[in-house]
């Protein structure tokens, strides 16, 4: 079968255009925000990353990349030395003058929302998919994520049919020092709700923990996330620096659970559904453990 001259020209044009589009996509990426960096890797873009911020700890392989520092305290000089074509981050990224400096140097700066909800995640994944040339994979990942959260929601509803939602406090600390209590309109609050907990904190955002803030509250569960320590060391430091917590029902019954603090940075990340399963098992110990 012979192709006509016009058909050959059309095929050649399509191939050239496809190649041009692929080459126009940014190839040198810097990412600020743990969840965002994880999604870049999940979408097949890890090889394009030339630098990440300190909250980008997953997958483990990201730790070998040059660090650009903490996402809220970026330095233009450090980022520009990596010769990136694009810097991606959320509205948590800054400070603004540094971002302006980076833009003025000719680097594309794309800001994503860290709002913890599915519509925002869908928009973020679709935009990342376009930037990486992985739109189909982005849609597939979102569909799987949505399904996992639906299963989680159904499991929690079933558990709450026989057990009241436990009152929970989530504490975000650093080496046991005065932690912050996660209130409403935070990723932490969203996470507690999805896991089937009832956040006892009524304030908005994160506020410093104090003896007064615990007054009148009897948390049945404590969830802590430490940015400097992990495991038993983190738990011991939390109670040493804040002994009042030892008198809570949660501590007395041993219902104190650790959470990776990077799960709370940069919006909804790919590891959240699995973490919800673990928390739910702790919130509802008499129930059959939810499927991962």
Protein backbone atom coordinates (compact mmCIF):
# COMPACT_ATOMS: atom_id res chain seq x y z
CA UNK A 1 0.00 0.00 0.00
CA UNK A 2 1.41 3.35 -1.06
CA UNK A 3 0.73 6.58 0.72
CA UNK A 4 0.02 9.66 -1.34
CA UNK A 5 2.39 12.58 -1.17
CA UNK A 6 -0.16 14.61 0.79
CA UNK A 7 -0.67 11.77 3.30
CA UNK A 8 3.07 11.45 3.86
CA UNK A 9 3.32 15.20 4.36
CA UNK A 10 0.49 15.08 6.91
CA UNK A 11 2.11 12.26 8.92
CA UNK A 12 5.46 14.07 8.84
CA UNK A 13 3.80 17.27 10.04
CA UNK A 14 2.10 15.47 12.94
CA UNK A 15 5.39 13.86 14.01
CA UNK A 16 7.22 17.17 13.86
CA UNK A 17 4.48 18.94 15.83
CA UNK A 18 4.42 16.19 18.46
CA UNK A 19 8.17 16.40 18.85
CA UNK A 20 8.03 20.17 19.14
CA UNK A 21 5.35 20.00 21.81
CA UNK A 22 7.35 17.44 23.80
CA UNK A 23 10.49 19.59 23.64
CA UNK A 24 8.54 22.66 24.81
CA UNK A 25 7.59 20.97 28.08
CA UNK A 26 9.90 21.99 30.95
CA UNK A 27 12.66 19.44 31.49
CA UNK A 28 14.38 20.84 34.60
CA UNK A 29 12.04 21.03 37.59
CA UNK A 30 12.31 22.32 41.15
CA UNK A 31 9.48 21.43 43.52
CA UNK A 32 8.53 22.98 46.88
CA UNK A 33 5.91 21.07 48.88
CA UNK A 34 5.97 17.43 49.94
CA UNK A 35 2.69 16.31 48.37
CA UNK A 36 3.40 18.12 45.10
CA UNK A 37 6.83 16.51 44.78
CA UNK A 38 5.29 13.10 45.41
CA UNK A 39 2.77 13.65 42.63
CA UNK A 40 5.50 14.73 40.21
CA UNK A 41 7.27 11.43 40.94
CA UNK A 42 4.04 9.42 40.69
CA UNK A 43 3.36 10.97 37.27
CA UNK A 44 6.75 9.82 35.99
CA UNK A 45 8.52 13.16 36.35
CA UNK A 46 11.09 12.30 39.03
CA UNK A 47 13.96 12.23 36.51
CA UNK A 48 13.18 15.88 35.68
CA UNK A 49 13.55 17.07 39.27
CA UNK A 50 16.83 18.88 39.91
CA UNK A 51 15.97 20.17 43.39
CA UNK A 52 13.32 19.88 46.12
CA UNK A 53 12.48 21.56 49.42
CA UNK A 54 12.98 20.04 52.86
CA UNK A 55 9.37 18.82 53.12
CA UNK A 56 9.85 16.62 50.03
CA UNK A 57 10.87 13.39 51.75
CA UNK A 58 8.99 10.83 49.66
CA UNK A 59 9.77 8.80 47.71
CA UNK A 60 13.05 8.11 49.51
CA UNK A 61 15.01 8.74 46.31
CA UNK A 62 14.15 12.48 46.47
CA UNK A 63 16.43 12.89 49.50
CA UNK A 64 19.55 12.70 47.32
CA UNK A 65 18.50 15.76 45.28
CA UNK A 66 19.88 19.23 46.08
CA UNK A 67 17.80 20.96 48.76
CA UNK A 68 16.35 24.44 48.19
CA UNK A 69 15.50 24.83 51.90
CA UNK A 70 12.11 25.16 53.56
CA UNK A 71 9.23 25.99 51.21
CA UNK A 72 8.23 29.17 53.06
CA UNK A 73 11.80 30.51 53.25
CA UNK A 74 13.18 29.99 49.76
CA UNK A 75 16.28 31.65 48.38
CA UNK A 76 16.40 32.81 44.76
CA UNK A 77 20.14 32.28 44.53
CA UNK A 78 19.95 28.63 45.59
CA UNK A 79 17.12 27.84 43.20
CA UNK A 80 18.58 29.68 40.21
CA UNK A 81 21.93 27.91 40.69
CA UNK A 82 20.13 24.69 39.67
CA UNK A 83 19.16 26.28 36.33
CA UNK A 84 15.51 25.17 36.49
CA UNK A 85 12.98 25.83 33.77
CA UNK A 86 10.07 25.60 36.20
CA UNK A 87 9.43 25.96 39.93
CA UNK A 88 6.24 24.36 41.24
CA UNK A 89 4.76 24.85 44.69
CA UNK A 90 1.59 25.76 46.54
CA UNK A 91 0.44 29.05 48.06
CA UNK A 92 2.49 27.95 51.09
CA UNK A 93 5.63 28.67 49.03
CA UNK A 94 7.49 31.96 49.47
CA UNK A 95 8.39 34.61 50.32
CA UNK A 96 6.73 36.56 47.46
CA UNK A 97 9.76 38.80 46.69
CA UNK A 98 11.88 35.70 46.11
CA UNK A 99 9.27 34.22 43.77
CA UNK A 100 9.18 37.50 41.84
CA UNK A 101 12.98 37.41 41.55
CA UNK A 102 12.83 33.87 40.18
CA UNK A 103 10.16 34.83 37.64
CA UNK A 104 12.22 37.83 36.55
CA UNK A 105 15.12 35.47 35.89
CA UNK A 106 12.97 33.74 33.27
CA UNK A 107 11.92 30.71 35.30
CA UNK A 108 8.30 29.59 35.03
CA UNK A 109 6.68 29.62 38.49
CA UNK A 110 3.46 27.63 38.84
CA UNK A 111 1.43 27.90 42.03
CA UNK A 112 -0.97 25.13 43.03
CA UNK A 113 -3.64 25.15 45.72
CA UNK A 114 -3.03 23.24 48.96
CA UNK A 115 -6.77 23.21 49.76
CA UNK A 116 -7.54 19.71 51.10
CA UNK A 117 -10.41 18.55 48.90
CA UNK A 118 -10.91 16.35 45.86
CA UNK A 119 -11.86 19.07 43.32
CA UNK A 120 -8.60 20.89 44.11
CA UNK A 121 -6.60 17.68 43.83
CA UNK A 122 -8.21 16.94 40.47
CA UNK A 123 -7.27 20.38 39.15
CA UNK A 124 -3.72 20.04 40.49
CA UNK A 125 -3.20 16.62 38.92
CA UNK A 126 -4.60 17.70 35.58
CA UNK A 127 -2.31 20.73 35.48
CA UNK A 128 0.73 18.68 36.51
CA UNK A 129 -0.22 16.08 33.91
CA UNK A 130 -0.19 18.72 31.17
CA UNK A 131 3.18 20.09 32.28
CA UNK A 132 4.67 16.59 32.29
CA UNK A 133 2.92 15.27 29.20
CA UNK A 134 1.18 12.66 31.39
CA UNK A 135 -2.46 13.72 31.25
CA UNK A 136 -3.86 10.20 30.90
CA UNK A 137 -1.84 9.00 33.89
CA UNK A 138 -3.03 11.98 35.93
CA UNK A 139 -6.66 11.04 35.24
CA UNK A 140 -5.98 7.41 36.18
CA UNK A 141 -4.29 8.38 39.44
CA UNK A 142 -7.15 10.67 40.42
CA UNK A 143 -9.77 8.01 39.66
CA UNK A 144 -7.94 5.55 41.92
CA UNK A 145 -7.59 8.15 44.66
CA UNK A 146 -11.28 9.03 44.51
CA UNK A 147 -12.20 5.36 44.73
CA UNK A 148 -9.92 4.83 47.75
CA UNK A 149 -11.53 7.75 49.59
CA UNK A 150 -15.01 6.45 48.77
CA UNK A 151 -14.09 3.07 50.27
CA UNK A 152 -12.69 4.86 53.30
CA UNK A 153 -15.90 6.88 53.71
CA UNK A 154 -18.04 3.75 53.54
CA UNK A 155 -15.87 1.96 56.11
CA UNK A 156 -16.08 4.89 58.54
CA UNK A 157 -19.87 5.08 58.13
CA UNK A 158 -20.13 1.39 58.96
CA UNK A 159 -17.86 1.76 62.00
CA UNK A 160 -19.80 4.76 63.30
CA UNK A 161 -23.02 2.77 63.13
CA UNK A 162 -21.83 0.86 66.20
CA UNK A 163 -19.28 3.24 67.77
CA UNK A 164 -19.33 6.96 68.45
CA UNK A 165 -16.65 9.01 66.68
CA UNK A 166 -13.75 9.48 69.13
CA UNK A 167 -12.71 12.98 70.22
CA UNK A 168 -9.23 13.66 68.85
CA UNK A 169 -6.51 16.29 69.12
CA UNK A 170 -3.75 16.50 66.53
CA UNK A 171 -0.50 18.06 67.72
CA UNK A 172 2.24 19.24 65.37
CA UNK A 173 5.56 19.72 67.17
CA UNK A 174 9.31 19.90 66.92
CA UNK A 175 11.42 17.70 69.23
CA UNK A 176 8.64 17.74 71.81
CA UNK A 177 8.62 21.54 72.18
CA UNK A 178 5.36 23.40 72.54
CA UNK A 179 3.28 21.86 69.76
CA UNK A 180 0.64 23.45 67.58
CA UNK A 181 -2.93 22.21 67.83
CA UNK A 182 -4.56 21.62 64.44
CA UNK A 183 -7.91 23.38 64.17
CA UNK A 184 -10.51 23.81 61.46
CA UNK A 185 -9.69 24.56 57.81
CA UNK A 186 -6.41 22.64 57.90
CA UNK A 187 -5.15 19.54 56.12
CA UNK A 188 -4.92 17.94 59.56
CA UNK A 189 -8.61 18.58 60.27
CA UNK A 190 -9.57 17.09 56.89
CA UNK A 191 -7.44 14.04 57.65
CA UNK A 192 -9.03 13.50 61.08
CA UNK A 193 -12.53 13.74 59.63
CA UNK A 194 -11.75 11.31 56.81
CA UNK A 195 -10.32 8.85 59.32
CA UNK A 196 -13.53 9.06 61.33
CA UNK A 197 -12.35 11.24 64.19
CA UNK A 198 -14.01 14.26 65.78
CA UNK A 199 -11.57 17.15 66.02
CA UNK A 200 -11.96 18.69 69.49
CA UNK A 201 -10.15 21.88 68.47
CA UNK A 202 -12.68 24.55 67.52
CA UNK A 203 -10.29 27.31 66.42
CA UNK A 204 -9.24 27.91 62.81
CA UNK A 205 -5.74 27.04 61.61
CA UNK A 206 -2.91 26.03 63.95
CA UNK A 207 -2.58 27.49 67.45
CA UNK A 208 0.08 26.92 70.15
CA UNK A 209 -0.81 24.25 72.69
CA UNK A 210 -1.27 25.33 76.29
CA UNK A 211 -2.67 23.96 79.53
CA UNK A 212 -5.60 26.33 79.06
CA UNK A 213 -6.32 24.96 75.57
CA UNK A 214 -6.70 21.49 77.07
CA UNK A 215 -9.12 22.66 79.73
CA UNK A 216 -12.55 21.13 79.32
CA UNK A 217 -11.30 18.71 76.67
CA UNK A 218 -10.89 14.99 77.23
CA UNK A 219 -9.33 13.63 74.04
CA UNK A 220 -9.90 9.93 73.62
CA UNK A 221 -7.17 9.89 70.98
CA UNK A 222 -4.01 11.93 70.49
CA UNK A 223 -2.34 12.13 67.09
CA UNK A 224 1.10 13.73 66.99
CA UNK A 225 3.41 14.70 64.16
CA UNK A 226 6.98 15.69 65.04
CA UNK A 227 9.16 17.49 62.49
CA UNK A 228 12.44 16.53 64.20
CA UNK A 229 11.95 13.15 65.90
CA UNK A 230 10.15 9.89 65.12
CA UNK A 231 8.90 6.81 66.94
CA UNK A 232 9.39 6.34 70.68
CA UNK A 233 11.79 9.29 70.88
CA UNK A 234 9.13 11.64 69.52
CA UNK A 235 6.46 10.27 71.82
CA UNK A 236 8.72 10.52 74.89
CA UNK A 237 9.72 14.11 74.04
CA UNK A 238 6.08 15.14 73.59
CA UNK A 239 5.09 13.93 77.06
CA UNK A 240 8.29 15.17 78.72
CA UNK A 241 7.82 18.73 77.41
CA UNK A 242 4.04 18.68 77.88
CA UNK A 243 3.37 16.51 80.97
CA UNK A 244 -0.28 17.63 81.18
CA UNK A 245 -0.96 15.39 78.18
CA UNK A 246 -0.19 12.30 80.27
CA UNK A 247 -3.39 12.87 82.25
CA UNK A 248 -5.65 12.70 79.18
CA UNK A 249 -7.88 9.65 78.56
CA UNK A 250 -5.95 9.10 75.31
CA UNK A 251 -2.61 8.73 77.09
CA UNK A 252 -4.03 6.60 79.89
CA UNK A 253 -5.56 4.15 77.40
CA UNK A 254 -2.50 4.16 75.12
CA UNK A 255 -4.37 5.62 72.16
CA UNK A 256 -1.57 7.90 70.99
CA UNK A 257 -0.67 7.63 67.32
CA UNK A 258 2.14 9.08 65.25
CA UNK A 259 1.64 10.78 61.89
CA UNK A 260 4.27 11.66 59.29
CA UNK A 261 4.30 15.51 59.28
CA UNK A 262 5.05 15.63 55.54
CA UNK A 263 1.52 14.34 54.96
CA UNK A 264 0.25 17.76 56.04
CA UNK A 265 2.30 19.79 53.54
CA UNK A 266 1.36 20.77 50.01
CA UNK A 267 -2.23 19.54 49.84
CA UNK A 268 -3.53 16.01 49.46
CA UNK A 269 -0.67 13.64 48.66
CA UNK A 270 -0.60 10.11 47.24
CA UNK A 271 0.15 8.45 50.62
CA UNK A 272 -2.86 9.94 52.42
CA UNK A 273 -5.41 7.16 51.70
CA UNK A 274 -3.08 4.54 53.17
CA UNK A 275 -2.44 6.72 56.23
CA UNK A 276 -6.19 7.15 56.73
CA UNK A 277 -6.59 3.38 56.88
CA UNK A 278 -4.02 3.17 59.69
CA UNK A 279 -5.59 6.00 61.67
CA UNK A 280 -9.09 4.55 61.30
CA UNK A 281 -7.89 1.24 62.70
CA UNK A 282 -6.69 3.14 65.79
CA UNK A 283 -9.87 5.19 66.07
CA UNK A 284 -12.10 2.12 65.84
CA UNK A 285 -10.07 -0.77 67.31
CA UNK A 286 -13.11 -3.05 67.70
CA UNK A 287 -13.86 -2.92 63.99
CA UNK A 288 -12.33 -5.06 61.27
CA UNK A 289 -9.34 -3.16 59.88
CA UNK A 290 -10.22 -1.32 56.65
CA UNK A 291 -8.68 -2.59 53.44
CA UNK A 292 -5.64 -0.55 52.29
